[in-house]
Amino acid sequence: MRVVIQRVKGASVTVEGKIISEIKTGFLILLGIENDDSQEDIEWLSKKIVQLRVFSDTNQAMNHSLLEIQGEVLVVSQFTLHASTKKGNRPSFIRAARPEVAIPFYEKFITQLEIDSKQKVVSGQFGAMMEVALINDGPVTILIDSKNRE
């Protein structure tokens, strides 16, 4: 699993001209799922995300986690995070999981985030053409790959 986490002051997802999800302060998470992802990847990634200390304290140092500030979370499926650009100019998405695999993992990831963050997590619409709007805070953008646990 790969995620791009963006610390935001607000974010929303619009489908067919209608806002379907929105948050205030918290994380916009773009989630890419690949074929060999597992429940272990979901659990590790979720815990890592809610405990990331990237929110400012009173001294403007990044010392607080999502849990500590009770920030909100918006998760958007993003198969293009598994793009391979090795050959030519057209990306290959062969490593991205097909919907029959990805949808259950996407749903399990959201459920795990709800458990670990102790709050409702909102999401985009899997497979839909979405417009994602956000107000970056910082900006702070973090990339995490559950297969490369640095």
Protein backbone atom coordinates (compact mmCIF):
# COMPACT_ATOMS: atom_id res chain seq x y z
CA MET A 1 0.00 0.00 0.00
CA ARG A 2 1.15 3.48 -0.78
CA VAL A 3 -0.24 6.67 0.64
CA VAL A 4 0.28 10.33 0.07
CA ILE A 5 -0.72 12.14 3.25
CA GLN A 6 -1.41 15.84 3.05
CA ARG A 7 -1.92 17.91 6.16
CA VAL A 8 -4.88 20.13 5.35
CA LYS A 9 -6.95 22.97 6.74
CA GLY A 10 -9.81 21.59 4.67
CA ALA A 11 -10.50 19.13 1.85
CA SER A 12 -13.47 17.88 -0.14
CA VAL A 13 -14.43 15.42 -2.86
CA THR A 14 -16.95 16.31 -5.55
CA VAL A 15 -18.58 13.75 -7.87
CA GLU A 16 -20.84 14.87 -10.71
CA GLY A 17 -21.02 18.40 -9.33
CA LYS A 18 -22.02 17.35 -5.79
CA ILE A 19 -19.75 17.43 -2.72
CA ILE A 20 -19.86 13.89 -1.30
CA SER A 21 -17.26 14.26 1.49
CA GLU A 22 -15.46 17.06 3.25
CA ILE A 23 -13.27 17.67 6.27
CA LYS A 24 -11.71 20.54 8.15
CA THR A 25 -8.29 20.25 9.84
CA GLY A 26 -6.67 16.85 9.41
CA PHE A 27 -5.36 14.54 6.71
CA LEU A 28 -6.28 14.04 3.09
CA ILE A 29 -5.00 10.54 2.31
CA LEU A 30 -4.54 9.31 -1.25
CA LEU A 31 -4.43 5.50 -1.08
CA GLY A 32 -2.95 3.15 -3.67
CA ILE A 33 -3.49 -0.58 -3.26
CA GLU A 34 -1.41 -3.25 -4.99
CA ASN A 35 -2.02 -6.94 -5.55
CA ASP A 36 0.15 -8.30 -2.74
CA ASP A 37 -1.11 -6.03 0.03
CA SER A 38 -2.32 -7.71 3.22
CA GLN A 39 -4.20 -7.05 6.44
CA GLU A 40 -0.80 -6.48 8.06
CA ASP A 41 -0.17 -3.60 5.63
CA ILE A 42 -3.52 -2.05 6.55
CA GLU A 43 -2.89 -2.28 10.30
CA TRP A 44 0.72 -1.02 10.13
CA LEU A 45 -0.14 1.89 7.86
CA SER A 46 -3.20 2.98 9.85
CA LYS A 47 -1.29 3.05 13.14
CA LYS A 48 1.60 4.93 11.50
CA ILE A 49 -0.77 7.55 10.08
CA VAL A 50 -2.71 8.33 13.26
CA GLN A 51 0.51 8.59 15.29
CA LEU A 52 2.47 10.80 12.82
CA ARG A 53 3.59 13.89 14.71
CA VAL A 54 3.13 16.52 12.00
CA PHE A 55 0.71 18.98 13.61
CA SER A 56 2.09 22.11 15.26
CA ASP A 57 2.32 22.72 18.96
CA THR A 58 2.26 26.19 20.57
CA ASN A 59 5.89 26.74 19.47
CA GLN A 60 5.04 25.88 15.85
CA ALA A 61 7.07 22.65 16.08
CA MET A 62 5.56 19.49 14.58
CA ASN A 63 4.90 17.62 17.82
CA HIS A 64 1.23 16.60 17.73
CA SER A 65 -0.45 13.63 16.08
CA LEU A 66 -3.84 13.37 14.41
CA LEU A 67 -5.08 11.69 17.60
CA GLU A 68 -3.89 14.54 19.80
CA ILE A 69 -5.54 17.27 17.75
CA GLN A 70 -8.62 15.14 16.98
CA GLY A 71 -8.12 15.89 13.30
CA GLU A 72 -10.42 14.61 10.60
CA VAL A 73 -9.55 12.17 7.79
CA LEU A 74 -10.60 11.97 4.14
CA VAL A 75 -9.43 8.90 2.16
CA VAL A 76 -9.42 8.88 -1.64
CA SER A 77 -8.56 5.82 -3.76
CA GLN A 78 -5.64 6.53 -6.09
CA PHE A 79 -4.50 3.58 -8.21
CA THR A 80 -2.07 5.86 -10.06
CA LEU A 81 0.23 5.81 -7.01
CA HIS A 82 1.44 2.46 -8.35
CA ALA A 83 2.36 3.82 -11.77
CA SER A 84 5.51 2.45 -13.33
CA THR A 85 7.28 4.95 -15.58
CA LYS A 86 10.31 2.80 -16.46
CA LYS A 87 9.53 2.40 -20.15
CA GLY A 88 8.36 5.12 -22.48
CA ASN A 89 6.12 8.00 -21.54
CA ARG A 90 2.87 6.19 -20.83
CA PRO A 91 2.68 4.90 -17.25
CA SER A 92 1.85 1.27 -16.59
CA PHE A 93 -0.54 0.48 -13.75
CA ILE A 94 0.02 -3.30 -13.75
CA ARG A 95 0.97 -3.30 -10.02
CA ALA A 96 -2.25 -1.58 -8.98
CA ALA A 97 -4.87 -3.99 -7.66
CA ARG A 98 -7.97 -4.56 -9.77
CA PRO A 99 -11.28 -3.34 -8.26
CA GLU A 100 -12.34 -6.81 -7.06
CA VAL A 101 -9.22 -6.86 -4.84
CA ALA A 102 -8.84 -3.13 -4.18
CA ILE A 103 -12.39 -2.29 -3.04
CA PRO A 104 -12.40 -4.67 -0.03
CA PHE A 105 -8.93 -3.43 0.99
CA TYR A 106 -10.01 0.19 0.60
CA GLU A 107 -13.02 -0.45 2.86
CA LYS A 108 -10.92 -2.37 5.42
CA PHE A 109 -8.36 0.46 5.46
CA ILE A 110 -11.07 3.03 6.20
CA THR A 111 -12.51 0.81 8.96
CA GLN A 112 -9.05 0.36 10.50
CA LEU A 113 -8.45 4.12 10.42
CA GLU A 114 -11.78 4.64 12.20
CA ILE A 115 -10.73 2.19 14.91
CA ASP A 116 -7.25 3.69 15.33
CA SER A 117 -8.34 7.34 15.13
CA LYS A 118 -11.46 6.74 17.26
CA GLN A 119 -13.63 8.72 14.84
CA LYS A 120 -15.61 8.53 11.61
CA VAL A 121 -13.46 8.64 8.44
CA VAL A 122 -14.97 10.01 5.24
CA SER A 123 -13.99 8.94 1.75
CA GLY A 124 -14.18 9.54 -1.94
CA GLN A 125 -16.13 7.26 -4.26
CA PHE A 126 -14.06 4.31 -5.44
CA GLY A 127 -13.70 4.25 -9.23
CA ALA A 128 -15.51 7.54 -9.80
CA MET A 129 -14.13 10.58 -11.59
CA MET A 130 -13.55 12.82 -8.60
CA GLU A 131 -12.59 16.43 -8.10
CA VAL A 132 -10.48 16.70 -4.97
CA ALA A 133 -10.07 20.15 -3.45
CA LEU A 134 -7.77 20.93 -0.56
CA ILE A 135 -6.15 23.70 1.38
CA ASN A 136 -2.64 22.48 2.14
CA ASP A 137 -1.42 23.33 5.61
CA GLY A 138 2.30 24.06 5.51
CA PRO A 139 2.37 22.42 3.03
CA VAL A 140 3.13 19.12 4.71
CA THR A 141 3.07 16.11 2.38
CA ILE A 142 4.32 12.67 3.42
CA LEU A 143 4.76 9.55 1.27
CA ILE A 144 4.57 6.14 2.95
CA ASP A 145 4.90 2.72 1.33
CA SER A 146 4.04 -0.26 3.53
CA LYS A 147 6.51 -2.38 1.53
CA ASN A 148 9.36 0.05 2.26
CA ARG A 149 9.11 0.77 5.98
CA GLU A 150 11.77 3.45 6.40
